[in-house]
C-alpha atoms as a PDB file:
ATOM      1  CA  GLN A   1     126.895 -47.132  45.054  1.00  0.00           C
ATOM      2  CA  VAL A   2     129.557 -47.674  42.419  1.00  0.00           C
ATOM      3  CA  GLN A   3     128.581 -49.747  39.404  1.00  0.00           C
ATOM      4  CA  LEU A   4     131.297 -51.775  37.702  1.00  0.00           C
ATOM      5  CA  VAL A   5     130.744 -53.268  34.272  1.00  0.00           C
ATOM      6  CA  GLU A   6     133.227 -55.801  32.914  1.00  0.00           C
ATOM      7  CA  SER A   7     133.625 -56.699  29.268  1.00  0.00           C
ATOM      8  CA  GLY A   8     136.043 -58.493  26.994  1.00  0.00           C
ATOM      9  CA  GLY A   9     135.679 -62.078  28.141  1.00  0.00           C
ATOM     10  CA  GLY A  10     135.124 -64.949  25.777  1.00  0.00           C
ATOM     11  CA  LEU A  11     136.492 -68.143  24.325  1.00  0.00           C
ATOM     12  CA  VAL A  12     140.089 -68.280  23.136  1.00  0.00           C
ATOM     13  CA  GLN A  13     142.574 -70.977  22.255  1.00  0.00           C
ATOM     14  CA  ALA A  14     145.591 -71.649  24.413  1.00  0.00           C
ATOM     15  CA  GLY A  15     148.339 -69.172  23.620  1.00  0.00           C
ATOM     16  CA  GLY A  16     145.878 -66.483  22.637  1.00  0.00           C
ATOM     17  CA  SER A  17     145.099 -63.119  24.184  1.00  0.00           C
ATOM     18  CA  LEU A  18     142.146 -61.268  25.637  1.00  0.00           C
ATOM     19  CA  ARG A  19     141.738 -57.799  27.065  1.00  0.00           C
ATOM     20  CA  LEU A  20     139.269 -57.275  29.873  1.00  0.00           C
ATOM     21  CA  SER A  21     137.834 -53.856  30.668  1.00  0.00           C
ATOM     22  CA  CYS A  22     136.097 -52.651  33.805  1.00  0.00           C
ATOM     23  CA  ALA A  23     134.199 -49.389  33.530  1.00  0.00           C
ATOM     24  CA  ALA A  24     133.187 -47.634  36.744  1.00  0.00           C
ATOM     25  CA  SER A  25     130.133 -45.412  37.096  1.00  0.00           C
ATOM     26  CA  GLU A  26     132.138 -42.765  38.915  1.00  0.00           C
ATOM     27  CA  SER A  27     135.688 -41.531  39.225  1.00  0.00           C
ATOM     28  CA  ILE A  28     138.264 -44.146  40.201  1.00  0.00           C
ATOM     29  CA  PHE A  29     140.798 -41.490  41.082  1.00  0.00           C
ATOM     30  CA  SER A  30     140.020 -41.652  44.804  1.00  0.00           C
ATOM     31  CA  ALA A  31     139.981 -45.436  45.028  1.00  0.00           C
ATOM     32  CA  ASN A  32     142.689 -46.942  47.193  1.00  0.00           C
ATOM     33  CA  ALA A  33     143.076 -49.939  44.961  1.00  0.00           C
ATOM     34  CA  MET A  34     141.477 -51.712  42.050  1.00  0.00           C
ATOM     35  CA  GLY A  35     142.079 -55.048  40.537  1.00  0.00           C
ATOM     36  CA  TRP A  36     140.988 -58.301  39.054  1.00  0.00           C
ATOM     37  CA  TYR A  37     140.054 -61.556  40.710  1.00  0.00           C
ATOM     38  CA  ARG A  38     139.001 -64.868  39.262  1.00  0.00           C
ATOM     39  CA  GLN A  39     137.004 -67.851  40.372  1.00  0.00           C
ATOM     40  CA  ALA A  40     137.038 -71.250  38.733  1.00  0.00           C
ATOM     41  CA  PRO A  41     134.271 -73.795  39.407  1.00  0.00           C
ATOM     42  CA  GLY A  42     134.632 -75.335  42.845  1.00  0.00           C
ATOM     43  CA  ARG A  43     137.442 -73.011  43.828  1.00  0.00           C
ATOM     44  CA  GLN A  44     137.742 -69.834  45.873  1.00  0.00           C
ATOM     45  CA  ARG A  45     138.009 -66.382  44.376  1.00  0.00           C
ATOM     46  CA  ASP A  46     141.667 -65.413  44.045  1.00  0.00           C
ATOM     47  CA  MET A  47     143.448 -62.167  43.280  1.00  0.00           C
ATOM     48  CA  VAL A  48     144.919 -62.010  39.794  1.00  0.00           C
ATOM     49  CA  ALA A  49     146.271 -58.459  39.619  1.00  0.00           C
ATOM     50  CA  ALA A  50     145.884 -55.309  41.665  1.00  0.00           C
ATOM     51  CA  ILE A  51     146.997 -51.719  41.293  1.00  0.00           C
ATOM     52  CA  THR A  52     146.977 -49.138  44.077  1.00  0.00           C
ATOM     53  CA  SER A  53     146.337 -45.413  43.873  1.00  0.00           C
ATOM     54  CA  GLY A  54     150.073 -44.913  44.295  1.00  0.00           C
ATOM     55  CA  GLY A  55     150.795 -47.052  41.276  1.00  0.00           C
ATOM     56  CA  SER A  56     152.037 -50.196  43.017  1.00  0.00           C
ATOM     57  CA  ILE A  57     151.117 -53.353  41.145  1.00  0.00           C
ATOM     58  CA  ASN A  58     150.876 -56.927  42.341  1.00  0.00           C
ATOM     59  CA  TYR A  59     150.291 -60.074  40.335  1.00  0.00           C
ATOM     60  CA  ALA A  60     149.524 -63.618  41.279  1.00  0.00           C
ATOM     61  CA  ASP A  61     152.566 -65.799  40.654  1.00  0.00           C
ATOM     62  CA  SER A  62     150.632 -67.839  38.119  1.00  0.00           C
ATOM     63  CA  VAL A  63     150.108 -64.860  35.797  1.00  0.00           C
ATOM     64  CA  LYS A  64     153.356 -62.918  36.185  1.00  0.00           C
ATOM     65  CA  GLY A  65     154.885 -62.148  32.827  1.00  0.00           C
ATOM     66  CA  ARG A  66     151.652 -62.933  30.994  1.00  0.00           C
ATOM     67  CA  PHE A  67     149.043 -60.514  32.375  1.00  0.00           C
ATOM     68  CA  THR A  68     149.219 -56.725  32.628  1.00  0.00           C
ATOM     69  CA  VAL A  69     146.892 -54.539  34.681  1.00  0.00           C
ATOM     70  CA  SER A  70     146.458 -50.848  33.916  1.00  0.00           C
ATOM     71  CA  ARG A  71     144.109 -47.987  34.640  1.00  0.00           C
ATOM     72  CA  ASP A  72     142.815 -44.964  32.772  1.00  0.00           C
ATOM     73  CA  ASN A  73     141.556 -42.406  35.275  1.00  0.00           C
ATOM     74  CA  ALA A  74     140.122 -40.209  32.536  1.00  0.00           C
ATOM     75  CA  LYS A  75     137.894 -43.071  31.374  1.00  0.00           C
ATOM     76  CA  ASN A  76     137.254 -44.489  34.871  1.00  0.00           C
ATOM     77  CA  THR A  77     138.367 -47.828  33.502  1.00  0.00           C
ATOM     78  CA  VAL A  78     140.694 -50.606  34.599  1.00  0.00           C
ATOM     79  CA  TYR A  79     142.093 -53.095  32.111  1.00  0.00           C
ATOM     80  CA  LEU A  80     143.588 -56.554  32.241  1.00  0.00           C
ATOM     81  CA  GLN A  81     145.628 -57.588  29.232  1.00  0.00           C
ATOM     82  CA  MET A  82     145.981 -61.352  29.208  1.00  0.00           C
ATOM     83  CA  ASP A  83     148.542 -62.939  26.902  1.00  0.00           C
ATOM     84  CA  SER A  84     149.794 -66.496  26.469  1.00  0.00           C
ATOM     85  CA  LEU A  85     146.567 -67.782  27.959  1.00  0.00           C
ATOM     86  CA  LYS A  86     146.456 -71.299  29.354  1.00  0.00           C
ATOM     87  CA  PRO A  87     143.509 -73.645  29.967  1.00  0.00           C
ATOM     88  CA  GLU A  88     144.070 -73.185  33.707  1.00  0.00           C
ATOM     89  CA  ASP A  89     143.240 -69.491  33.282  1.00  0.00           C
ATOM     90  CA  THR A  90     139.627 -70.484  32.617  1.00  0.00           C
ATOM     91  CA  ALA A  91     137.415 -68.797  35.210  1.00  0.00           C
ATOM     92  CA  VAL A  92     134.947 -66.020  35.836  1.00  0.00           C
ATOM     93  CA  TYR A  93     136.917 -62.812  36.145  1.00  0.00           C
ATOM     94  CA  TYR A  94     135.709 -60.084  38.493  1.00  0.00           C
ATOM     95  CA  CYS A  95     136.706 -56.464  38.742  1.00  0.00           C
ATOM     96  CA  ALA A  96     136.995 -54.914  42.211  1.00  0.00           C
ATOM     97  CA  LEU A  97     137.285 -51.326  43.365  1.00  0.00           C
ATOM     98  CA  GLY A  98     138.286 -50.558  46.950  1.00  0.00           C
ATOM     99  CA  PHE A  99     137.797 -47.418  48.981  1.00  0.00           C
ATOM    100  CA  ALA A 100     139.159 -46.841  52.470  1.00  0.00           C
ATOM    101  CA  ARG A 101     135.815 -45.769  53.935  1.00  0.00           C
ATOM    102  CA  ARG A 102     133.260 -47.062  51.470  1.00  0.00           C
ATOM    103  CA  GLY A 103     134.448 -50.620  51.220  1.00  0.00           C
ATOM    104  CA  THR A 104     134.885 -52.755  48.126  1.00  0.00           C
ATOM    105  CA  TYR A 105     132.665 -52.913  45.087  1.00  0.00           C
ATOM    106  CA  TRP A 106     132.488 -55.835  42.653  1.00  0.00           C
ATOM    107  CA  GLY A 107     131.500 -56.233  39.057  1.00  0.00           C
ATOM    108  CA  GLN A 108     129.159 -58.940  37.833  1.00  0.00           C
ATOM    109  CA  GLY A 109     131.955 -61.013  36.346  1.00  0.00           C
ATOM    110  CA  THR A 110     132.915 -62.034  32.839  1.00  0.00           C
ATOM    111  CA  GLN A 111     133.643 -65.575  31.686  1.00  0.00           C
ATOM    112  CA  VAL A 112     137.029 -66.412  30.218  1.00  0.00           C
ATOM    113  CA  THR A 113     137.388 -69.855  28.668  1.00  0.00           C
ATOM    114  CA  VAL A 114     140.703 -71.086  27.274  1.00  0.00           C
ATOM    115  CA  SER A 115     140.576 -74.202  25.141  1.00  0.00           C
ATOM    116  CA  SER A 116     143.516 -76.550  24.770  1.00  0.00           C
END
């Protein structure tokens, strides 16, 4: 069972930045993909950014050019740098780690609130 612990959320004004971290309890090297999702109240959970083991990266259209996902295999950590934040980015952000045979693991979520 992989444990994922997110940190870095908080309250920020529009135009500001936050950096989310997701620390895994074991090596992420063998994971097929890892990424960040978010869920606003009353809405479904949507993919924000994902990075595969081969290095391919995908972003939701709404965050392209503003968010950057990265990974540090040595630290078993995935990051999400969020710049030029907007009120519509307000949500609970979840880290996810996917393995071909073991399935997907989720973090507990971290709240990001962007004030206008």
